[in-house]
């Protein structure tokens, strides 16, 4: 899903809505020359692949480092109802809008 710049003062519709109790696969694609530390509030993410290749051992984290020009696939159990923020933990990136909202219903 493309992430549009987050409007800190405005209404931000969710970029995705997940059905509560379902497993969801999310792919982070970083097309830049800098790393992004991606964080989704309300859930843990399980890394399942990097650049389309399954990882040798899946691991759970709440912050996923997506290296330059890399994609990372994660599995998420959408078990926490509500609206949750997805953002880069690099505050400068977050302030420039690398942030979105996910809804679990």
PDB file of N, CA and C in Angstrom:
ATOM      1  N   UNK A   1       0.837  -1.189   0.000  1.00  0.00           N
ATOM      2  CA  UNK A   1       0.000   0.000   0.000  1.00  0.00           C
ATOM      3  C   UNK A   1       0.876   1.244   0.000  1.00  0.00           C
ATOM      4  N   UNK A   2       0.578   2.211  -0.821  1.00  0.00           N
ATOM      5  CA  UNK A   2       1.359   3.442  -0.790  1.00  0.00           C
ATOM      6  C   UNK A   2       1.016   4.245   0.460  1.00  0.00           C
ATOM      7  N   UNK A   3       2.012   4.849   1.039  1.00  0.00           N
ATOM      8  CA  UNK A   3       1.780   5.694   2.210  1.00  0.00           C
ATOM      9  C   UNK A   3       1.871   7.143   1.763  1.00  0.00           C
ATOM     10  N   UNK A   4       0.793   7.884   1.963  1.00  0.00           N
ATOM     11  CA  UNK A   4       0.765   9.302   1.615  1.00  0.00           C
ATOM     12  C   UNK A   4       1.191  10.106   2.834  1.00  0.00           C
ATOM     13  N   UNK A   5       1.763  11.294   2.632  1.00  0.00           N
ATOM     14  CA  UNK A   5       2.178  12.091   3.784  1.00  0.00           C
ATOM     15  C   UNK A   5       1.041  12.279   4.781  1.00  0.00           C
ATOM     16  N   UNK A   6       1.354  12.052   6.022  1.00  0.00           N
ATOM     17  CA  UNK A   6       0.383  12.138   7.114  1.00  0.00           C
ATOM     18  C   UNK A   6       0.158  13.597   7.469  1.00  0.00           C
ATOM     19  N   UNK A   7      -1.083  13.983   7.615  1.00  0.00           N
ATOM     20  CA  UNK A   7      -1.441  15.351   7.970  1.00  0.00           C
ATOM     21  C   UNK A   7      -1.674  15.399   9.474  1.00  0.00           C
ATOM     22  N   UNK A   8      -0.715  15.930  10.218  1.00  0.00           N
ATOM     23  CA  UNK A   8      -0.795  15.954  11.680  1.00  0.00           C
ATOM     24  C   UNK A   8      -2.000  16.753  12.183  1.00  0.00           C
ATOM     25  N   UNK A   9      -2.489  17.689  11.385  1.00  0.00           N
ATOM     26  CA  UNK A   9      -3.592  18.537  11.830  1.00  0.00           C
ATOM     27  C   UNK A   9      -4.920  18.148  11.192  1.00  0.00           C
ATOM     28  N   UNK A  10      -4.916  17.205  10.282  1.00  0.00           N
ATOM     29  CA  UNK A  10      -6.133  16.889   9.546  1.00  0.00           C
ATOM     30  C   UNK A  10      -6.645  15.489   9.798  1.00  0.00           C
ATOM     31  N   UNK A  11      -7.652  15.139   9.017  1.00  0.00           N
ATOM     32  CA  UNK A  11      -8.256  13.818   9.096  1.00  0.00           C
ATOM     33  C   UNK A  11      -7.476  12.889   8.184  1.00  0.00           C
ATOM     34  N   UNK A  12      -7.058  11.755   8.725  1.00  0.00           N
ATOM     35  CA  UNK A  12      -6.312  10.777   7.946  1.00  0.00           C
ATOM     36  C   UNK A  12      -7.103   9.480   7.914  1.00  0.00           C
ATOM     37  N   UNK A  13      -7.602   9.144   6.738  1.00  0.00           N
ATOM     38  CA  UNK A  13      -8.320   7.886   6.590  1.00  0.00           C
ATOM     39  C   UNK A  13      -7.328   6.733   6.671  1.00  0.00           C
ATOM     40  N   UNK A  14      -7.773   5.580   7.162  1.00  0.00           N
ATOM     41  CA  UNK A  14      -6.873   4.426   7.202  1.00  0.00           C
ATOM     42  C   UNK A  14      -6.472   3.997   5.792  1.00  0.00           C
ATOM     43  N   UNK A  15      -5.220   3.548   5.645  1.00  0.00           N
ATOM     44  CA  UNK A  15      -4.777   3.037   4.351  1.00  0.00           C
ATOM     45  C   UNK A  15      -5.214   1.594   4.167  1.00  0.00           C
ATOM     46  N   UNK A  16      -5.628   0.947   5.262  1.00  0.00           N
ATOM     47  CA  UNK A  16      -6.109  -0.437   5.196  1.00  0.00           C
ATOM     48  C   UNK A  16      -6.973  -0.706   6.410  1.00  0.00           C
ATOM     49  N   UNK A  17      -7.960  -1.589   6.233  1.00  0.00           N
ATOM     50  CA  UNK A  17      -8.784  -2.061   7.342  1.00  0.00           C
ATOM     51  C   UNK A  17      -8.681  -3.573   7.375  1.00  0.00           C
ATOM     52  N   UNK A  18      -8.325  -4.113   8.542  1.00  0.00           N
ATOM     53  CA  UNK A  18      -8.156  -5.548   8.726  1.00  0.00           C
ATOM     54  C   UNK A  18      -9.295  -6.086   9.573  1.00  0.00           C
ATOM     55  N   UNK A  19      -9.787  -7.262   9.231  1.00  0.00           N
ATOM     56  CA  UNK A  19     -10.821  -7.918  10.008  1.00  0.00           C
ATOM     57  C   UNK A  19     -10.197  -8.487  11.286  1.00  0.00           C
ATOM     58  N   UNK A  20     -10.801  -8.185  12.416  1.00  0.00           N
ATOM     59  CA  UNK A  20     -10.282  -8.646  13.698  1.00  0.00           C
ATOM     60  C   UNK A  20     -10.169 -10.171  13.715  1.00  0.00           C
ATOM     61  N   UNK A  21      -9.052 -10.638  14.252  1.00  0.00           N
ATOM     62  CA  UNK A  21      -8.818 -12.068  14.388  1.00  0.00           C
ATOM     63  C   UNK A  21      -8.177 -12.724  13.179  1.00  0.00           C
ATOM     64  N   UNK A  22      -7.877 -11.938  12.129  1.00  0.00           N
ATOM     65  CA  UNK A  22      -7.270 -12.514  10.923  1.00  0.00           C
ATOM     66  C   UNK A  22      -5.774 -12.235  10.887  1.00  0.00           C
ATOM     67  N   UNK A  23      -5.064 -13.094  10.167  1.00  0.00           N
ATOM     68  CA  UNK A  23      -3.647 -12.865   9.897  1.00  0.00           C
ATOM     69  C   UNK A  23      -3.541 -12.053   8.623  1.00  0.00           C
ATOM     70  N   UNK A  24      -2.655 -11.076   8.613  1.00  0.00           N
ATOM     71  CA  UNK A  24      -2.466 -10.180   7.480  1.00  0.00           C
ATOM     72  C   UNK A  24      -0.981 -10.148   7.126  1.00  0.00           C
ATOM     73  N   UNK A  25      -0.692 -10.156   5.835  1.00  0.00           N
ATOM     74  CA  UNK A  25       0.691  -9.999   5.372  1.00  0.00           C
ATOM     75  C   UNK A  25       0.866  -8.569   4.889  1.00  0.00           C
ATOM     76  N   UNK A  26       1.915  -7.925   5.376  1.00  0.00           N
ATOM     77  CA  UNK A  26       2.245  -6.556   4.979  1.00  0.00           C
ATOM     78  C   UNK A  26       3.641  -6.583   4.369  1.00  0.00           C
ATOM     79  N   UNK A  27       3.815  -5.913   3.234  1.00  0.00           N
ATOM     80  CA  UNK A  27       5.138  -5.786   2.621  1.00  0.00           C
ATOM     81  C   UNK A  27       5.580  -4.328   2.718  1.00  0.00           C
ATOM     82  N   UNK A  28       6.720  -4.112   3.361  1.00  0.00           N
ATOM     83  CA  UNK A  28       7.359  -2.802   3.390  1.00  0.00           C
ATOM     84  C   UNK A  28       8.376  -2.783   2.253  1.00  0.00           C
ATOM     85  N   UNK A  29       8.297  -1.787   1.383  1.00  0.00           N
ATOM     86  CA  UNK A  29       9.257  -1.642   0.299  1.00  0.00           C
ATOM     87  C   UNK A  29       9.937  -0.296   0.452  1.00  0.00           C
ATOM     88  N   UNK A  30      11.244  -0.330   0.576  1.00  0.00           N
ATOM     89  CA  UNK A  30      12.031   0.880   0.760  1.00  0.00           C
ATOM     90  C   UNK A  30      12.792   1.156  -0.532  1.00  0.00           C
ATOM     91  N   UNK A  31      12.399   2.175  -1.245  1.00  0.00           N
ATOM     92  CA  UNK A  31      13.067   2.545  -2.487  1.00  0.00           C
ATOM     93  C   UNK A  31      14.054   3.680  -2.313  1.00  0.00           C
ATOM     94  N   UNK A  32      14.513   3.894  -1.083  1.00  0.00           N
ATOM     95  CA  UNK A  32      15.442   4.997  -0.808  1.00  0.00           C
ATOM     96  C   UNK A  32      16.821   4.448  -0.450  1.00  0.00           C
ATOM     97  N   UNK A  33      17.763   5.350  -0.261  1.00  0.00           N
ATOM     98  CA  UNK A  33      19.125   4.974   0.115  1.00  0.00           C
ATOM     99  C   UNK A  33      19.353   5.070   1.625  1.00  0.00           C
ATOM    100  N   UNK A  34      18.278   5.178   2.402  1.00  0.00           N
ATOM    101  CA  UNK A  34      18.411   5.231   3.863  1.00  0.00           C
ATOM    102  C   UNK A  34      17.518   4.161   4.484  1.00  0.00           C
ATOM    103  N   UNK A  35      17.895   3.696   5.662  1.00  0.00           N
ATOM    104  CA  UNK A  35      17.100   2.687   6.366  1.00  0.00           C
ATOM    105  C   UNK A  35      15.880   3.343   7.000  1.00  0.00           C
ATOM    106  N   UNK A  36      14.806   2.560   7.127  1.00  0.00           N
ATOM    107  CA  UNK A  36      13.595   3.004   7.822  1.00  0.00           C
ATOM    108  C   UNK A  36      13.251   1.974   8.887  1.00  0.00           C
ATOM    109  N   UNK A  37      13.021   2.453  10.100  1.00  0.00           N
ATOM    110  CA  UNK A  37      12.652   1.600  11.221  1.00  0.00           C
ATOM    111  C   UNK A  37      11.136   1.669  11.372  1.00  0.00           C
ATOM    112  N   UNK A  38      10.435   0.711  10.768  1.00  0.00           N
ATOM    113  CA  UNK A  38       8.971   0.760  10.697  1.00  0.00           C
ATOM    114  C   UNK A  38       8.343   0.128  11.941  1.00  0.00           C
ATOM    115  N   UNK A  39       7.315   0.799  12.445  1.00  0.00           N
ATOM    116  CA  UNK A  39       6.647   0.384  13.672  1.00  0.00           C
ATOM    117  C   UNK A  39       5.138   0.499  13.478  1.00  0.00           C
ATOM    118  N   UNK A  40       4.413  -0.550  13.829  1.00  0.00           N
ATOM    119  CA  UNK A  40       2.947  -0.550  13.791  1.00  0.00           C
ATOM    120  C   UNK A  40       2.450  -0.717  15.214  1.00  0.00           C
ATOM    121  N   UNK A  41       1.784   0.309  15.719  1.00  0.00           N
ATOM    122  CA  UNK A  41       1.261   0.260  17.084  1.00  0.00           C
ATOM    123  C   UNK A  41       0.183  -0.813  17.202  1.00  0.00           C
ATOM    124  N   UNK A  42       0.048  -1.374  18.393  1.00  0.00           N
ATOM    125  CA  UNK A  42      -1.062  -2.275  18.689  1.00  0.00           C
ATOM    126  C   UNK A  42      -0.836  -3.739  18.375  1.00  0.00           C
ATOM    127  N   UNK A  43       0.254  -4.070  17.661  1.00  0.00           N
ATOM    128  CA  UNK A  43       0.514  -5.471  17.294  1.00  0.00           C
ATOM    129  C   UNK A  43       2.019  -5.728  17.280  1.00  0.00           C
ATOM    130  N   UNK A  44       2.381  -6.985  17.282  1.00  0.00           N
ATOM    131  CA  UNK A  44       3.751  -7.387  16.983  1.00  0.00           C
ATOM    132  C   UNK A  44       3.776  -7.857  15.540  1.00  0.00           C
ATOM    133  N   UNK A  45       4.902  -7.683  14.885  1.00  0.00           N
ATOM    134  CA  UNK A  45       5.057  -8.122  13.504  1.00  0.00           C
ATOM    135  C   UNK A  45       6.047  -9.289  13.485  1.00  0.00           C
ATOM    136  N   UNK A  46       5.751 -10.291  12.669  1.00  0.00           N
ATOM    137  CA  UNK A  46       6.648 -11.423  12.489  1.00  0.00           C
ATOM    138  C   UNK A  46       7.265 -11.324  11.109  1.00  0.00           C
ATOM    139  N   UNK A  47       8.591 -11.173  11.067  1.00  0.00           N
ATOM    140  CA  UNK A  47       9.291 -11.092   9.783  1.00  0.00           C
ATOM    141  C   UNK A  47       9.277 -12.472   9.145  1.00  0.00           C
ATOM    142  N   UNK A  48       8.752 -12.542   7.906  1.00  0.00           N
ATOM    143  CA  UNK A  48       8.669 -13.834   7.218  1.00  0.00           C
ATOM    144  C   UNK A  48       9.522 -13.887   5.952  1.00  0.00           C
ATOM    145  N   UNK A  49       9.884 -12.714   5.391  1.00  0.00           N
ATOM    146  CA  UNK A  49      10.719 -12.707   4.175  1.00  0.00           C
ATOM    147  C   UNK A  49      11.422 -11.367   4.035  1.00  0.00           C
ATOM    148  N   UNK A  50      12.583 -11.413   3.387  1.00  0.00           N
ATOM    149  CA  UNK A  50      13.327 -10.202   3.010  1.00  0.00           C
ATOM    150  C   UNK A  50      13.635 -10.317   1.525  1.00  0.00           C
ATOM    151  N   UNK A  51      13.290  -9.278   0.790  1.00  0.00           N
ATOM    152  CA  UNK A  51      13.461  -9.264  -0.672  1.00  0.00           C
ATOM    153  C   UNK A  51      12.820 -10.492  -1.320  1.00  0.00           C
ATOM    154  N   UNK A  52      11.675 -10.900  -0.804  1.00  0.00           N
ATOM    155  CA  UNK A  52      10.925 -12.003  -1.391  1.00  0.00           C
ATOM    156  C   UNK A  52      11.427 -13.389  -1.031  1.00  0.00           C
ATOM    157  N   UNK A  53      12.507 -13.463  -0.271  1.00  0.00           N
ATOM    158  CA  UNK A  53      13.063 -14.766   0.122  1.00  0.00           C
ATOM    159  C   UNK A  53      12.711 -15.039   1.575  1.00  0.00           C
ATOM    160  N   UNK A  54      12.083 -16.201   1.867  1.00  0.00           N
ATOM    161  CA  UNK A  54      11.734 -16.516   3.252  1.00  0.00           C
ATOM    162  C   UNK A  54      12.965 -16.467   4.165  1.00  0.00           C
ATOM    163  N   UNK A  55      12.788 -15.916   5.360  1.00  0.00           N
ATOM    164  CA  UNK A  55      13.890 -15.888   6.323  1.00  0.00           C
ATOM    165  C   UNK A  55      14.073 -17.288   6.893  1.00  0.00           C
ATOM    166  N   UNK A  56      15.314 -17.625   7.272  1.00  0.00           N
ATOM    167  CA  UNK A  56      15.612 -18.956   7.797  1.00  0.00           C
ATOM    168  C   UNK A  56      14.824 -19.229   9.080  1.00  0.00           C
ATOM    169  N   UNK A  57      14.703 -18.200   9.908  1.00  0.00           N
ATOM    170  CA  UNK A  57      13.930 -18.341  11.143  1.00  0.00           C
ATOM    171  C   UNK A  57      13.083 -17.084  11.310  1.00  0.00           C
ATOM    172  N   UNK A  58      11.767 -17.264  11.358  1.00  0.00           N
ATOM    173  CA  UNK A  58      10.876 -16.127  11.529  1.00  0.00           C
ATOM    174  C   UNK A  58      11.073 -15.549  12.930  1.00  0.00           C
ATOM    175  N   UNK A  59      10.943 -14.236  13.049  1.00  0.00           N
ATOM    176  CA  UNK A  59      11.127 -13.604  14.354  1.00  0.00           C
ATOM    177  C   UNK A  59      10.145 -12.455  14.522  1.00  0.00           C
ATOM    178  N   UNK A  60       9.701 -12.280  15.781  1.00  0.00           N
ATOM    179  CA  UNK A  60       8.743 -11.231  16.124  1.00  0.00           C
ATOM    180  C   UNK A  60       9.458 -10.000  16.621  1.00  0.00           C
ATOM    181  N   UNK A  61       8.976  -8.856  16.171  1.00  0.00           N
ATOM    182  CA  UNK A  61       9.508  -7.574  16.622  1.00  0.00           C
ATOM    183  C   UNK A  61       8.406  -6.535  16.559  1.00  0.00           C
ATOM    184  N   UNK A  62       8.609  -5.440  17.279  1.00  0.00           N
ATOM    185  CA  UNK A  62       7.654  -4.341  17.145  1.00  0.00           C
ATOM    186  C   UNK A  62       8.216  -3.223  16.275  1.00  0.00           C
ATOM    187  N   UNK A  63       9.525  -3.273  15.967  1.00  0.00           N
ATOM    188  CA  UNK A  63      10.143  -2.335  15.029  1.00  0.00           C
ATOM    189  C   UNK A  63      10.934  -3.165  14.022  1.00  0.00           C
ATOM    190  N   UNK A  64      10.671  -2.945  12.741  1.00  0.00           N
ATOM    191  CA  UNK A  64      11.330  -3.683  11.671  1.00  0.00           C
ATOM    192  C   UNK A  64      12.234  -2.720  10.903  1.00  0.00           C
ATOM    193  N   UNK A  65      13.517  -3.038  10.811  1.00  0.00           N
ATOM    194  CA  UNK A  65      14.433  -2.220  10.019  1.00  0.00           C
ATOM    195  C   UNK A  65      14.337  -2.676   8.561  1.00  0.00           C
ATOM    196  N   UNK A  66      13.983  -1.727   7.699  1.00  0.00           N
ATOM    197  CA  UNK A  66      13.928  -1.982   6.261  1.00  0.00           C
ATOM    198  C   UNK A  66      15.112  -1.244   5.658  1.00  0.00           C
ATOM    199  N   UNK A  67      16.095  -2.002   5.220  1.00  0.00           N
ATOM    200  CA  UNK A  67      17.342  -1.424   4.709  1.00  0.00           C
ATOM    201  C   UNK A  67      17.123  -0.761   3.345  1.00  0.00           C
ATOM    202  N   UNK A  68      18.088   0.053   2.912  1.00  0.00           N
ATOM    203  CA  UNK A  68      17.955   0.715   1.600  1.00  0.00           C
ATOM    204  C   UNK A  68      17.671  -0.288   0.483  1.00  0.00           C
ATOM    205  N   UNK A  69      16.705   0.062  -0.353  1.00  0.00           N
ATOM    206  CA  UNK A  69      16.316  -0.747  -1.517  1.00  0.00           C
ATOM    207  C   UNK A  69      15.967  -2.186  -1.159  1.00  0.00           C
ATOM    208  N   UNK A  70      15.327  -2.369  -0.037  1.00  0.00           N
ATOM    209  CA  UNK A  70      14.939  -3.699   0.437  1.00  0.00           C
ATOM    210  C   UNK A  70      13.424  -3.748   0.619  1.00  0.00           C
ATOM    211  N   UNK A  71      12.873  -4.948   0.503  1.00  0.00           N
ATOM    212  CA  UNK A  71      11.481  -5.160   0.898  1.00  0.00           C
ATOM    213  C   UNK A  71      11.474  -6.195   2.019  1.00  0.00           C
ATOM    214  N   UNK A  72      10.540  -6.028   2.939  1.00  0.00           N
ATOM    215  CA  UNK A  72      10.394  -6.938   4.066  1.00  0.00           C
ATOM    216  C   UNK A  72       8.924  -7.313   4.178  1.00  0.00           C
ATOM    217  N   UNK A  73       8.651  -8.613   4.223  1.00  0.00           N
ATOM    218  CA  UNK A  73       7.291  -9.105   4.428  1.00  0.00           C
ATOM    219  C   UNK A  73       7.127  -9.478   5.893  1.00  0.00           C
ATOM    220  N   UNK A  74       6.021  -9.034   6.475  1.00  0.00           N
ATOM    221  CA  UNK A  74       5.712  -9.373   7.861  1.00  0.00           C
ATOM    222  C   UNK A  74       4.305  -9.940   7.938  1.00  0.00           C
ATOM    223  N   UNK A  75       4.087 -10.799   8.922  1.00  0.00           N
ATOM    224  CA  UNK A  75       2.751 -11.314   9.221  1.00  0.00           C
ATOM    225  C   UNK A  75       2.298 -10.669  10.524  1.00  0.00           C
ATOM    226  N   UNK A  76       1.031 -10.271  10.541  1.00  0.00           N
ATOM    227  CA  UNK A  76       0.466  -9.591  11.703  1.00  0.00           C
ATOM    228  C   UNK A  76      -0.859 -10.257  12.046  1.00  0.00           C
ATOM    229  N   UNK A  77      -1.059 -10.580  13.314  1.00  0.00           N
ATOM    230  CA  UNK A  77      -2.361 -11.031  13.775  1.00  0.00           C
ATOM    231  C   UNK A  77      -3.138  -9.794  14.202  1.00  0.00           C
ATOM    232  N   UNK A  78      -4.172  -9.462  13.453  1.00  0.00           N
ATOM    233  CA  UNK A  78      -4.982  -8.266  13.719  1.00  0.00           C
ATOM    234  C   UNK A  78      -5.966  -8.591  14.844  1.00  0.00           C
ATOM    235  N   UNK A  79      -5.473  -8.567  16.063  1.00  0.00           N
ATOM    236  CA  UNK A  79      -6.302  -8.981  17.199  1.00  0.00           C
ATOM    237  C   UNK A  79      -6.564  -7.865  18.200  1.00  0.00           C
ATOM    238  N   UNK A  80      -6.233  -6.641  17.844  1.00  0.00           N
ATOM    239  CA  UNK A  80      -6.394  -5.524  18.760  1.00  0.00           C
ATOM    240  C   UNK A  80      -7.238  -4.459  18.057  1.00  0.00           C
ATOM    241  N   UNK A  81      -8.512  -4.373  18.422  1.00  0.00           N
ATOM    242  CA  UNK A  81      -9.447  -3.466  17.751  1.00  0.00           C
ATOM    243  C   UNK A  81      -9.029  -2.003  17.874  1.00  0.00           C
ATOM    244  N   UNK A  82      -9.297  -1.254  16.814  1.00  0.00           N
ATOM    245  CA  UNK A  82      -9.066   0.181  16.858  1.00  0.00           C
ATOM    246  C   UNK A  82      -8.272   0.689  15.677  1.00  0.00           C
ATOM    247  N   UNK A  83      -7.915   1.970  15.763  1.00  0.00           N
ATOM    248  CA  UNK A  83      -7.073   2.620  14.767  1.00  0.00           C
ATOM    249  C   UNK A  83      -5.655   2.657  15.307  1.00  0.00           C
ATOM    250  N   UNK A  84      -4.697   2.246  14.481  1.00  0.00           N
ATOM    251  CA  UNK A  84      -3.303   2.139  14.908  1.00  0.00           C
ATOM    252  C   UNK A  84      -2.407   2.864  13.926  1.00  0.00           C
ATOM    253  N   UNK A  85      -1.389   3.526  14.456  1.00  0.00           N
ATOM    254  CA  UNK A  85      -0.468   4.290  13.625  1.00  0.00           C
ATOM    255  C   UNK A  85       0.680   3.396  13.169  1.00  0.00           C
ATOM    256  N   UNK A  86       0.994   3.505  11.895  1.00  0.00           N
ATOM    257  CA  UNK A  86       2.148   2.861  11.276  1.00  0.00           C
ATOM    258  C   UNK A  86       3.096   3.984  10.894  1.00  0.00           C
ATOM    259  N   UNK A  87       4.358   3.910  11.360  1.00  0.00           N
ATOM    260  CA  UNK A  87       5.269   5.021  11.083  1.00  0.00           C
ATOM    261  C   UNK A  87       6.715   4.568  11.144  1.00  0.00           C
ATOM    262  N   UNK A  88       7.594   5.429  10.625  1.00  0.00           N
ATOM    263  CA  UNK A  88       9.028   5.232  10.729  1.00  0.00           C
ATOM    264  C   UNK A  88       9.474   5.796  12.075  1.00  0.00           C
ATOM    265  N   UNK A  89      10.331   5.055  12.781  1.00  0.00           N
ATOM    266  CA  UNK A  89      10.814   5.508  14.089  1.00  0.00           C
ATOM    267  C   UNK A  89      11.880   6.592  13.981  1.00  0.00           C
ATOM    268  N   UNK A  90      12.376   6.866  12.789  1.00  0.00           N
ATOM    269  CA  UNK A  90      13.264   8.004  12.595  1.00  0.00           C
ATOM    270  C   UNK A  90      12.372   9.242  12.644  1.00  0.00           C
ATOM    271  N   UNK A  91      12.514  10.042  13.693  1.00  0.00           N
ATOM    272  CA  UNK A  91      11.588  11.156  13.914  1.00  0.00           C
ATOM    273  C   UNK A  91      11.552  12.144  12.754  1.00  0.00           C
ATOM    274  N   UNK A  92      12.686  12.362  12.097  1.00  0.00           N
ATOM    275  CA  UNK A  92      12.693  13.270  10.949  1.00  0.00           C
ATOM    276  C   UNK A  92      11.819  12.713   9.833  1.00  0.00           C
ATOM    277  N   UNK A  93      11.886  11.402   9.600  1.00  0.00           N
ATOM    278  CA  UNK A  93      11.052  10.782   8.567  1.00  0.00           C
ATOM    279  C   UNK A  93       9.575  10.872   8.953  1.00  0.00           C
ATOM    280  N   UNK A  94       9.306  10.614  10.226  1.00  0.00           N
ATOM    281  CA  UNK A  94       7.921  10.699  10.717  1.00  0.00           C
ATOM    282  C   UNK A  94       7.381  12.116  10.547  1.00  0.00           C
ATOM    283  N   UNK A  95       8.180  13.106  10.907  1.00  0.00           N
ATOM    284  CA  UNK A  95       7.748  14.503  10.797  1.00  0.00           C
ATOM    285  C   UNK A  95       7.493  14.916   9.350  1.00  0.00           C
ATOM    286  N   UNK A  96       8.151  14.247   8.414  1.00  0.00           N
ATOM    287  CA  UNK A  96       7.937  14.543   6.995  1.00  0.00           C
ATOM    288  C   UNK A  96       6.816  13.693   6.394  1.00  0.00           C
ATOM    289  N   UNK A  97       6.096  12.973   7.250  1.00  0.00           N
ATOM    290  CA  UNK A  97       4.890  12.308   6.778  1.00  0.00           C
ATOM    291  C   UNK A  97       4.988  10.822   6.562  1.00  0.00           C
ATOM    292  N   UNK A  98       6.094  10.154   6.943  1.00  0.00           N
ATOM    293  CA  UNK A  98       6.185   8.711   6.778  1.00  0.00           C
ATOM    294  C   UNK A  98       5.415   8.051   7.923  1.00  0.00           C
ATOM    295  N   UNK A  99       4.091   8.164   7.799  1.00  0.00           N
ATOM    296  CA  UNK A  99       3.182   7.726   8.836  1.00  0.00           C
ATOM    297  C   UNK A  99       1.820   7.476   8.191  1.00  0.00           C
ATOM    298  N   UNK A 100       1.100   6.505   8.714  1.00  0.00           N
ATOM    299  CA  UNK A 100      -0.241   6.199   8.190  1.00  0.00           C
ATOM    300  C   UNK A 100      -1.066   5.583   9.311  1.00  0.00           C
ATOM    301  N   UNK A 101      -2.342   5.384   9.023  1.00  0.00           N
ATOM    302  CA  UNK A 101      -3.252   4.766   9.995  1.00  0.00           C
ATOM    303  C   UNK A 101      -3.766   3.442   9.441  1.00  0.00           C
ATOM    304  N   UNK A 102      -3.800   2.430  10.311  1.00  0.00           N
ATOM    305  CA  UNK A 102      -4.371   1.109  10.005  1.00  0.00           C
ATOM    306  C   UNK A 102      -5.569   0.919  10.936  1.00  0.00           C
ATOM    307  N   UNK A 103      -6.631   0.323  10.430  1.00  0.00           N
ATOM    308  CA  UNK A 103      -7.827   0.067  11.255  1.00  0.00           C
ATOM    309  C   UNK A 103      -8.033  -1.430  11.402  1.00  0.00           C
ATOM    310  N   UNK A 104      -8.338  -1.859  12.643  1.00  0.00           N
ATOM    311  CA  UNK A 104      -8.722  -3.251  12.918  1.00  0.00           C
ATOM    312  C   UNK A 104     -10.157  -3.218  13.412  1.00  0.00           C
ATOM    313  N   UNK A 105     -11.050  -3.948  12.689  1.00  0.00           N
ATOM    314  CA  UNK A 105     -12.479  -3.970  13.025  1.00  0.00           C
ATOM    315  C   UNK A 105     -12.991  -5.380  13.093  1.00  0.00           C
TER     316      UNK A 105
END
